Amino acid sequence: MGPFVRREMNLKYETIFIVNPELDESDINAVTGGVKTAIESGGGKVEKLEPWGKKKLAYPIRKHTDGYYVLTVFEGTPELTKQLNNHYLITESIIKHMIVQFEASSSTRRTAQAEGSERDNATGSSGAGAPKDIESDDETDDDDES
């Protein structure tokens, strides 16, 4: 038998990065272009690059209270996500980033959940296909309300 060959699958990922808000538009475009180039040079394919603009941060990051948000959806290998993470870490003007494996769009999820609910209502089940709340502070015991 031949040697085992491991092939990396292209998966879809979503990344959001926050750029230093003190940069001017051309510098922000250069940073965004650098991310796109990093993805493409690593063998990935950018499907969507969407600047969200300047927004208030939930908490200060590197003494900034605002940041310029950019959303990118791309296809690539898990190895590419490691390379992209390194790119984010060495790019000083990127103050925060996150890469997650992309799931279906929210409209697709809503449609699937609605279909699941219709199926549950037709079969009389109680939402077995619906997402489960793993942790909740408001869990109550319905047996106590008799």
C-alpha atoms as a PDB file:
ATOM      1  CA  MET A   1       0.000   0.000   0.000  1.00  0.00           C
ATOM      2  CA  GLY A   2       1.116   3.537  -0.681  1.00  0.00           C
ATOM      3  CA  PRO A   3       1.852   6.099   1.996  1.00  0.00           C
ATOM      4  CA  PHE A   4      -1.027   7.874   3.648  1.00  0.00           C
ATOM      5  CA  VAL A   5      -1.482  11.259   2.014  1.00  0.00           C
ATOM      6  CA  ARG A   6      -3.211  13.866   4.096  1.00  0.00           C
ATOM      7  CA  ARG A   7      -5.102  16.420   2.091  1.00  0.00           C
ATOM      8  CA  GLU A   8      -6.248  19.582   3.715  1.00  0.00           C
ATOM      9  CA  MET A   9      -9.811  20.462   2.837  1.00  0.00           C
ATOM     10  CA  ASN A  10     -10.824  23.967   1.995  1.00  0.00           C
ATOM     11  CA  LEU A  11     -13.289  25.124   4.602  1.00  0.00           C
ATOM     12  CA  LYS A  12     -15.175  28.378   4.808  1.00  0.00           C
ATOM     13  CA  TYR A  13     -14.089  30.837   7.497  1.00  0.00           C
ATOM     14  CA  GLU A  14     -15.208  34.210   8.731  1.00  0.00           C
ATOM     15  CA  THR A  15     -12.817  36.711  10.250  1.00  0.00           C
ATOM     16  CA  ILE A  16     -13.415  40.077  11.827  1.00  0.00           C
ATOM     17  CA  PHE A  17     -10.508  42.355  12.542  1.00  0.00           C
ATOM     18  CA  ILE A  18     -10.393  45.777  14.129  1.00  0.00           C
ATOM     19  CA  VAL A  19      -7.986  48.384  12.797  1.00  0.00           C
ATOM     20  CA  ASN A  20      -6.545  51.296  14.771  1.00  0.00           C
ATOM     21  CA  PRO A  21      -9.108  54.096  14.304  1.00  0.00           C
ATOM     22  CA  GLU A  22      -6.437  56.791  14.138  1.00  0.00           C
ATOM     23  CA  LEU A  23      -5.303  55.617  10.682  1.00  0.00           C
ATOM     24  CA  ASP A  24      -6.526  57.486   7.620  1.00  0.00           C
ATOM     25  CA  GLU A  25      -8.617  55.802   4.932  1.00  0.00           C
ATOM     26  CA  SER A  26      -5.675  54.943   2.667  1.00  0.00           C
ATOM     27  CA  ASP A  27      -3.814  53.244   5.533  1.00  0.00           C
ATOM     28  CA  ILE A  28      -6.940  51.282   6.490  1.00  0.00           C
ATOM     29  CA  ASN A  29      -7.315  50.201   2.848  1.00  0.00           C
ATOM     30  CA  ALA A  30      -3.649  49.109   2.867  1.00  0.00           C
ATOM     31  CA  VAL A  31      -4.211  46.998   6.005  1.00  0.00           C
ATOM     32  CA  THR A  32      -7.359  45.473   4.490  1.00  0.00           C
ATOM     33  CA  GLY A  33      -5.486  44.769   1.257  1.00  0.00           C
ATOM     34  CA  GLY A  34      -2.707  43.141   3.269  1.00  0.00           C
ATOM     35  CA  VAL A  35      -5.198  40.747   4.857  1.00  0.00           C
ATOM     36  CA  LYS A  36      -6.663  39.910   1.441  1.00  0.00           C
ATOM     37  CA  THR A  37      -3.156  39.303   0.056  1.00  0.00           C
ATOM     38  CA  ALA A  38      -2.248  37.109   3.041  1.00  0.00           C
ATOM     39  CA  ILE A  39      -5.326  34.948   2.423  1.00  0.00           C
ATOM     40  CA  GLU A  40      -4.734  34.650  -1.321  1.00  0.00           C
ATOM     41  CA  SER A  41      -0.985  34.016  -1.030  1.00  0.00           C
ATOM     42  CA  GLY A  42      -1.762  31.214   1.448  1.00  0.00           C
ATOM     43  CA  GLY A  43      -3.931  29.484  -1.155  1.00  0.00           C
ATOM     44  CA  GLY A  44      -7.262  30.843   0.062  1.00  0.00           C
ATOM     45  CA  LYS A  45     -10.062  32.547  -1.795  1.00  0.00           C
ATOM     46  CA  VAL A  46     -11.697  35.723  -0.461  1.00  0.00           C
ATOM     47  CA  GLU A  47     -15.456  35.519  -0.983  1.00  0.00           C
ATOM     48  CA  LYS A  48     -16.461  38.715   0.789  1.00  0.00           C
ATOM     49  CA  LEU A  49     -14.595  41.685   2.199  1.00  0.00           C
ATOM     50  CA  GLU A  50     -16.956  44.082   3.948  1.00  0.00           C
ATOM     51  CA  PRO A  51     -15.739  47.193   5.792  1.00  0.00           C
ATOM     52  CA  TRP A  52     -18.151  47.965   8.622  1.00  0.00           C
ATOM     53  CA  GLY A  53     -16.548  51.283   9.472  1.00  0.00           C
ATOM     54  CA  LYS A  54     -15.675  52.965  12.723  1.00  0.00           C
ATOM     55  CA  LYS A  55     -17.587  51.728  15.779  1.00  0.00           C
ATOM     56  CA  LYS A  56     -17.383  52.107  19.537  1.00  0.00           C
ATOM     57  CA  LEU A  57     -15.609  49.243  21.286  1.00  0.00           C
ATOM     58  CA  ALA A  58     -17.255  47.422  24.172  1.00  0.00           C
ATOM     59  CA  TYR A  59     -14.098  47.975  26.227  1.00  0.00           C
ATOM     60  CA  PRO A  60     -10.825  49.826  25.614  1.00  0.00           C
ATOM     61  CA  ILE A  61      -8.228  47.945  23.553  1.00  0.00           C
ATOM     62  CA  ARG A  62      -4.689  49.319  23.608  1.00  0.00           C
ATOM     63  CA  LYS A  63      -6.101  52.593  24.948  1.00  0.00           C
ATOM     64  CA  HIS A  64      -8.559  52.910  22.023  1.00  0.00           C
ATOM     65  CA  THR A  65     -12.296  53.290  22.622  1.00  0.00           C
ATOM     66  CA  ASP A  66     -13.191  53.092  18.885  1.00  0.00           C
ATOM     67  CA  GLY A  67     -12.058  50.791  16.108  1.00  0.00           C
ATOM     68  CA  TYR A  68     -12.519  50.294  12.382  1.00  0.00           C
ATOM     69  CA  TYR A  69     -14.206  46.919  11.835  1.00  0.00           C
ATOM     70  CA  VAL A  70     -13.730  44.754   8.727  1.00  0.00           C
ATOM     71  CA  LEU A  71     -15.534  41.446   8.051  1.00  0.00           C
ATOM     72  CA  THR A  72     -14.010  38.925   5.644  1.00  0.00           C
ATOM     73  CA  VAL A  73     -15.399  35.577   4.507  1.00  0.00           C
ATOM     74  CA  PHE A  74     -12.909  33.245   2.830  1.00  0.00           C
ATOM     75  CA  GLU A  75     -12.178  29.648   1.884  1.00  0.00           C
ATOM     76  CA  GLY A  76      -8.967  28.054   3.007  1.00  0.00           C
ATOM     77  CA  THR A  77      -7.261  25.320   4.948  1.00  0.00           C
ATOM     78  CA  PRO A  78      -6.793  25.153   8.713  1.00  0.00           C
ATOM     79  CA  GLU A  79      -3.092  25.857   8.057  1.00  0.00           C
ATOM     80  CA  LEU A  80      -4.068  29.121   6.336  1.00  0.00           C
ATOM     81  CA  THR A  81      -5.927  30.245   9.473  1.00  0.00           C
ATOM     82  CA  LYS A  82      -2.698  29.794  11.444  1.00  0.00           C
ATOM     83  CA  GLN A  83      -0.807  31.876   8.886  1.00  0.00           C
ATOM     84  CA  LEU A  84      -3.526  34.549   8.924  1.00  0.00           C
ATOM     85  CA  ASN A  85      -3.466  34.629  12.722  1.00  0.00           C
ATOM     86  CA  ASN A  86       0.299  35.248  12.579  1.00  0.00           C
ATOM     87  CA  HIS A  87      -0.283  38.034  10.039  1.00  0.00           C
ATOM     88  CA  TYR A  88      -2.739  39.689  12.441  1.00  0.00           C
ATOM     89  CA  LEU A  89      -0.289  39.403  15.335  1.00  0.00           C
ATOM     90  CA  ILE A  90       2.591  41.067  13.479  1.00  0.00           C
ATOM     91  CA  THR A  91       0.454  43.838  11.963  1.00  0.00           C
ATOM     92  CA  GLU A  92       0.579  46.551  14.615  1.00  0.00           C
ATOM     93  CA  SER A  93      -2.359  48.524  13.213  1.00  0.00           C
ATOM     94  CA  ILE A  94      -4.713  45.554  13.795  1.00  0.00           C
ATOM     95  CA  ILE A  95      -5.728  45.866  17.429  1.00  0.00           C
ATOM     96  CA  LYS A  96      -8.045  42.836  17.691  1.00  0.00           C
ATOM     97  CA  HIS A  97      -9.072  39.909  15.511  1.00  0.00           C
ATOM     98  CA  MET A  98     -11.085  36.709  15.470  1.00  0.00           C
ATOM     99  CA  ILE A  99     -11.254  33.833  12.987  1.00  0.00           C
ATOM    100  CA  VAL A 100     -14.115  31.324  13.154  1.00  0.00           C
ATOM    101  CA  GLN A 101     -15.260  28.519  10.916  1.00  0.00           C
ATOM    102  CA  PHE A 102     -18.129  29.912   8.887  1.00  0.00           C
ATOM    103  CA  GLU A 103     -21.609  28.517   9.364  1.00  0.00           C
ATOM    104  CA  ALA A 104     -24.654  28.998   7.191  1.00  0.00           C
ATOM    105  CA  SER A 105     -25.984  32.524   6.976  1.00  0.00           C
ATOM    106  CA  SER A 106     -28.471  33.617   9.620  1.00  0.00           C
ATOM    107  CA  SER A 107     -31.292  33.620   7.049  1.00  0.00           C
ATOM    108  CA  THR A 108     -30.436  30.008   6.150  1.00  0.00           C
ATOM    109  CA  ARG A 109     -30.356  29.099   9.848  1.00  0.00           C
ATOM    110  CA  ARG A 110     -33.703  30.815  10.434  1.00  0.00           C
ATOM    111  CA  THR A 111     -35.225  28.911   7.510  1.00  0.00           C
ATOM    112  CA  ALA A 112     -33.859  25.605   8.813  1.00  0.00           C
ATOM    113  CA  GLN A 113     -35.130  26.365  12.325  1.00  0.00           C
ATOM    114  CA  ALA A 114     -38.560  27.319  10.952  1.00  0.00           C
ATOM    115  CA  GLU A 115     -38.712  24.077   8.959  1.00  0.00           C
ATOM    116  CA  GLY A 116     -37.647  22.173  12.083  1.00  0.00           C
ATOM    117  CA  SER A 117     -40.382  23.874  14.105  1.00  0.00           C
ATOM    118  CA  GLU A 118     -43.008  23.086  11.492  1.00  0.00           C
ATOM    119  CA  ARG A 119     -41.828  19.459  11.480  1.00  0.00           C
ATOM    120  CA  ASP A 120     -41.899  19.371  15.306  1.00  0.00           C
ATOM    121  CA  ASN A 121     -45.410  20.827  15.387  1.00  0.00           C
ATOM    122  CA  ALA A 122     -46.587  18.270  12.827  1.00  0.00           C
ATOM    123  CA  THR A 123     -45.079  15.334  14.743  1.00  0.00           C
ATOM    124  CA  GLY A 124     -45.971  16.673  18.176  1.00  0.00           C
ATOM    125  CA  SER A 125     -42.379  16.766  19.387  1.00  0.00           C
ATOM    126  CA  SER A 126     -41.063  19.633  21.445  1.00  0.00           C
ATOM    127  CA  GLY A 127     -38.194  21.106  19.497  1.00  0.00           C
ATOM    128  CA  ALA A 128     -35.746  18.211  19.427  1.00  0.00           C
ATOM    129  CA  GLY A 129     -34.017  19.745  16.402  1.00  0.00           C
ATOM    130  CA  ALA A 130     -33.811  23.222  17.890  1.00  0.00           C
ATOM    131  CA  PRO A 131     -30.559  24.522  19.353  1.00  0.00           C
ATOM    132  CA  LYS A 132     -30.279  23.840  23.053  1.00  0.00           C
ATOM    133  CA  ASP A 133     -29.422  26.472  25.629  1.00  0.00           C
ATOM    134  CA  ILE A 134     -26.437  24.957  27.390  1.00  0.00           C
ATOM    135  CA  GLU A 135     -26.151  27.530  30.153  1.00  0.00           C
ATOM    136  CA  SER A 136     -28.916  29.711  31.416  1.00  0.00           C
ATOM    137  CA  ASP A 137     -29.442  31.739  34.563  1.00  0.00           C
ATOM    138  CA  ASP A 138     -33.221  31.667  34.276  1.00  0.00           C
ATOM    139  CA  GLU A 139     -33.809  27.912  34.389  1.00  0.00           C
ATOM    140  CA  THR A 140     -36.870  27.120  36.494  1.00  0.00           C
ATOM    141  CA  ASP A 141     -38.446  23.885  37.568  1.00  0.00           C
ATOM    142  CA  ASP A 142     -41.979  23.793  36.144  1.00  0.00           C
ATOM    143  CA  ASP A 143     -43.037  21.106  38.676  1.00  0.00           C
ATOM    144  CA  ASP A 144     -43.068  23.724  41.450  1.00  0.00           C
ATOM    145  CA  GLU A 145     -45.839  25.746  39.760  1.00  0.00           C
ATOM    146  CA  SER A 146     -48.683  23.177  40.333  1.00  0.00           C
END
